[in-house]
């Protein structure tokens, strides 16, 4: 890379990150699952412009080698068509892991209920179902520039928080009304929600091996 790093340097860095992040979360590396992205995300089929701004950016050096090393050295999990966030969300909610904790610096995982550790901020917290829904609806409104989907145009975090105020049971309807007030059709609102929603066990068809696209009830 630009700093003159070599593959052994990267491998040592990987081991250090895994050990440090696990330590901050209070778990052992051998008891952890490294979740990786694999293949073409299903979100491209929902929104062709998804992450389009990254197309011309070169992939990090040794990325393939790093994935191979993680698979060989640790317990690693990936599913074709899913991003690592989705794999974490499914594993954290499928009831098969005792006392699961998601270790990530990605704010998107705040939309998944359960224990969450952000090692950079040194925060370990339990995300309630209500809090997870609030985080998802916030992301639905503001979009994500790093992933290239807009959310509701003209709505930033402050305006979004004002829209979300009120009874938790009515939060989805408030967001849908906000989209309608901006002249956006229901189809666009639903598309943006599905881009923002991290998969959990109820949004994953384990038999067909494909996502169950999120929809409000009723929509």
Foldseek 3Di string as FASTA:
>chain_A
DVVPDDPVNVLVVVVVVLCLLCVLQVHHQQLDEAEAEAAAAPLCVLPVQFQVVCPPPDDDPCPVVNVVCCVVPYHYDYAHNHGSLQVLQAVQAVPPRDQDEDEDCDLLNLLRAHWYADSVVSDIDGRDNLRSLLSLQLCQQQPDVNGPDGRQPPDDNVNSVVLQPDDSVCNVVSSQVVNVVSVHDPSSSLSSSQVSHRHYNVQADPVVGDGNGDDDVVD
